[in-house]
């Protein structure tokens, strides 16, 4: 399994925004962070894309909510979406401030 994941980096989709404008987008690093996450490199996954854990948690809540309905599920999902957006924007601005 690890050998399969190690070879994935050459098949990753390039960022169109970065290719055209030369600037990373809010999603840059998500693919690499996912590979790091599945290979057990948790700190590297966070360093590459800090929102990977909040996105993973949101997707887990959505998946579980398909099978188990719970009170205030809509509010929880909206709250997690807002949290993800904030983490993505803040980490993007931190990343961009280090490039200048």
C-alpha atoms as a PDB file:
ATOM      1  CA  UNK A   1       0.000   0.000   0.000  1.00  0.00           C
ATOM      2  CA  UNK A   2       2.788   2.442   0.858  1.00  0.00           C
ATOM      3  CA  UNK A   3       4.509   1.741  -2.449  1.00  0.00           C
ATOM      4  CA  UNK A   4       1.284   2.577  -4.255  1.00  0.00           C
ATOM      5  CA  UNK A   5       0.897   5.878  -2.380  1.00  0.00           C
ATOM      6  CA  UNK A   6       4.563   6.842  -2.866  1.00  0.00           C
ATOM      7  CA  UNK A   7       4.141   6.699  -6.648  1.00  0.00           C
ATOM      8  CA  UNK A   8       1.026   8.888  -6.637  1.00  0.00           C
ATOM      9  CA  UNK A   9       2.885  12.181  -6.580  1.00  0.00           C
ATOM     10  CA  UNK A  10       3.731  11.958 -10.284  1.00  0.00           C
ATOM     11  CA  UNK A  11       0.003  11.531 -11.104  1.00  0.00           C
ATOM     12  CA  UNK A  12      -1.306  14.478  -9.089  1.00  0.00           C
ATOM     13  CA  UNK A  13      -3.385  17.122 -10.834  1.00  0.00           C
ATOM     14  CA  UNK A  14      -1.423  20.370 -11.209  1.00  0.00           C
ATOM     15  CA  UNK A  15      -2.890  23.626  -9.938  1.00  0.00           C
ATOM     16  CA  UNK A  16      -4.280  25.550 -12.906  1.00  0.00           C
ATOM     17  CA  UNK A  17      -4.176  28.819 -10.961  1.00  0.00           C
ATOM     18  CA  UNK A  18      -0.492  28.336 -10.206  1.00  0.00           C
ATOM     19  CA  UNK A  19       0.291  27.381 -13.814  1.00  0.00           C
ATOM     20  CA  UNK A  20      -1.506  30.395 -15.314  1.00  0.00           C
ATOM     21  CA  UNK A  21      -0.932  33.138 -12.728  1.00  0.00           C
ATOM     22  CA  UNK A  22       2.070  31.799 -10.807  1.00  0.00           C
ATOM     23  CA  UNK A  23       0.215  32.070  -7.478  1.00  0.00           C
ATOM     24  CA  UNK A  24      -1.057  29.165  -5.393  1.00  0.00           C
ATOM     25  CA  UNK A  25      -4.780  28.804  -4.743  1.00  0.00           C
ATOM     26  CA  UNK A  26      -6.614  27.979  -1.501  1.00  0.00           C
ATOM     27  CA  UNK A  27      -6.533  24.279  -2.347  1.00  0.00           C
ATOM     28  CA  UNK A  28      -2.857  23.975  -3.228  1.00  0.00           C
ATOM     29  CA  UNK A  29      -1.281  21.221  -1.181  1.00  0.00           C
ATOM     30  CA  UNK A  30      -4.464  19.255  -0.478  1.00  0.00           C
ATOM     31  CA  UNK A  31      -3.450  16.312  -2.665  1.00  0.00           C
ATOM     32  CA  UNK A  32       0.024  16.091  -1.149  1.00  0.00           C
ATOM     33  CA  UNK A  33      -1.409  16.425   2.357  1.00  0.00           C
ATOM     34  CA  UNK A  34      -3.852  13.585   1.664  1.00  0.00           C
ATOM     35  CA  UNK A  35      -1.005  11.333   0.545  1.00  0.00           C
ATOM     36  CA  UNK A  36       0.970  12.279   3.667  1.00  0.00           C
ATOM     37  CA  UNK A  37      -2.098  11.541   5.791  1.00  0.00           C
ATOM     38  CA  UNK A  38      -2.598   8.081   4.311  1.00  0.00           C
ATOM     39  CA  UNK A  39       1.102   7.235   4.627  1.00  0.00           C
ATOM     40  CA  UNK A  40       1.075   8.169   8.309  1.00  0.00           C
ATOM     41  CA  UNK A  41       3.086  11.379   8.029  1.00  0.00           C
ATOM     42  CA  UNK A  42       0.643  13.459  10.066  1.00  0.00           C
ATOM     43  CA  UNK A  43       2.916  16.410  10.838  1.00  0.00           C
ATOM     44  CA  UNK A  44       3.961  16.674   7.190  1.00  0.00           C
ATOM     45  CA  UNK A  45       0.291  16.629   6.141  1.00  0.00           C
ATOM     46  CA  UNK A  46      -0.456  19.537   8.470  1.00  0.00           C
ATOM     47  CA  UNK A  47       2.611  21.463   7.326  1.00  0.00           C
ATOM     48  CA  UNK A  48       1.666  21.110   3.658  1.00  0.00           C
ATOM     49  CA  UNK A  49      -2.039  21.894   4.118  1.00  0.00           C
ATOM     50  CA  UNK A  50      -3.273  22.806   7.627  1.00  0.00           C
ATOM     51  CA  UNK A  51      -6.966  22.442   6.726  1.00  0.00           C
ATOM     52  CA  UNK A  52      -6.574  18.723   5.960  1.00  0.00           C
ATOM     53  CA  UNK A  53      -7.727  17.652   9.425  1.00  0.00           C
ATOM     54  CA  UNK A  54     -10.765  19.919   9.576  1.00  0.00           C
ATOM     55  CA  UNK A  55     -11.766  18.799   6.066  1.00  0.00           C
ATOM     56  CA  UNK A  56     -11.300  15.159   7.039  1.00  0.00           C
ATOM     57  CA  UNK A  57     -13.452  15.725  10.139  1.00  0.00           C
ATOM     58  CA  UNK A  58     -16.170  17.475   8.081  1.00  0.00           C
ATOM     59  CA  UNK A  59     -16.247  14.639   5.545  1.00  0.00           C
ATOM     60  CA  UNK A  60     -16.464  12.089   8.368  1.00  0.00           C
ATOM     61  CA  UNK A  61     -19.412  13.947   9.943  1.00  0.00           C
ATOM     62  CA  UNK A  62     -21.190  14.145   6.578  1.00  0.00           C
ATOM     63  CA  UNK A  63     -20.606  10.437   5.916  1.00  0.00           C
ATOM     64  CA  UNK A  64     -21.834   9.380   9.363  1.00  0.00           C
ATOM     65  CA  UNK A  65     -24.837  11.695   9.003  1.00  0.00           C
ATOM     66  CA  UNK A  66     -25.985   9.712   5.964  1.00  0.00           C
ATOM     67  CA  UNK A  67     -26.557   6.725   8.237  1.00  0.00           C
ATOM     68  CA  UNK A  68     -27.160   8.286  11.653  1.00  0.00           C
ATOM     69  CA  UNK A  69     -29.414  11.311  11.927  1.00  0.00           C
ATOM     70  CA  UNK A  70     -28.758  13.521  14.928  1.00  0.00           C
ATOM     71  CA  UNK A  71     -30.183  16.702  16.333  1.00  0.00           C
ATOM     72  CA  UNK A  72     -28.720  19.940  14.990  1.00  0.00           C
ATOM     73  CA  UNK A  73     -26.866  18.115  12.189  1.00  0.00           C
ATOM     74  CA  UNK A  74     -27.419  21.020   9.786  1.00  0.00           C
ATOM     75  CA  UNK A  75     -25.950  23.545  12.242  1.00  0.00           C
ATOM     76  CA  UNK A  76     -22.969  21.292  12.961  1.00  0.00           C
ATOM     77  CA  UNK A  77     -22.220  20.897   9.257  1.00  0.00           C
ATOM     78  CA  UNK A  78     -22.553  24.639   8.598  1.00  0.00           C
ATOM     79  CA  UNK A  79     -20.275  25.361  11.560  1.00  0.00           C
ATOM     80  CA  UNK A  80     -17.665  22.916  10.263  1.00  0.00           C
ATOM     81  CA  UNK A  81     -17.865  24.415   6.770  1.00  0.00           C
ATOM     82  CA  UNK A  82     -17.272  27.893   8.220  1.00  0.00           C
ATOM     83  CA  UNK A  83     -14.385  26.537  10.319  1.00  0.00           C
ATOM     84  CA  UNK A  84     -12.847  24.955   7.209  1.00  0.00           C
ATOM     85  CA  UNK A  85     -13.180  28.181   5.262  1.00  0.00           C
ATOM     86  CA  UNK A  86     -11.503  30.137   8.057  1.00  0.00           C
ATOM     87  CA  UNK A  87      -8.645  27.652   8.405  1.00  0.00           C
ATOM     88  CA  UNK A  88      -8.112  27.637   4.640  1.00  0.00           C
ATOM     89  CA  UNK A  89      -8.100  31.436   4.330  1.00  0.00           C
ATOM     90  CA  UNK A  90      -5.897  32.061   7.357  1.00  0.00           C
ATOM     91  CA  UNK A  91      -3.367  29.389   6.356  1.00  0.00           C
ATOM     92  CA  UNK A  92      -3.373  30.734   2.786  1.00  0.00           C
ATOM     93  CA  UNK A  93      -2.527  34.258   3.936  1.00  0.00           C
ATOM     94  CA  UNK A  94       0.175  32.926   6.256  1.00  0.00           C
ATOM     95  CA  UNK A  95       1.656  30.900   3.390  1.00  0.00           C
ATOM     96  CA  UNK A  96       1.519  33.864   1.002  1.00  0.00           C
ATOM     97  CA  UNK A  97       3.136  36.196   3.543  1.00  0.00           C
ATOM     98  CA  UNK A  98       6.132  33.862   3.758  1.00  0.00           C
ATOM     99  CA  UNK A  99       6.663  33.926  -0.017  1.00  0.00           C
ATOM    100  CA  UNK A 100       7.190  37.677  -0.196  1.00  0.00           C
END
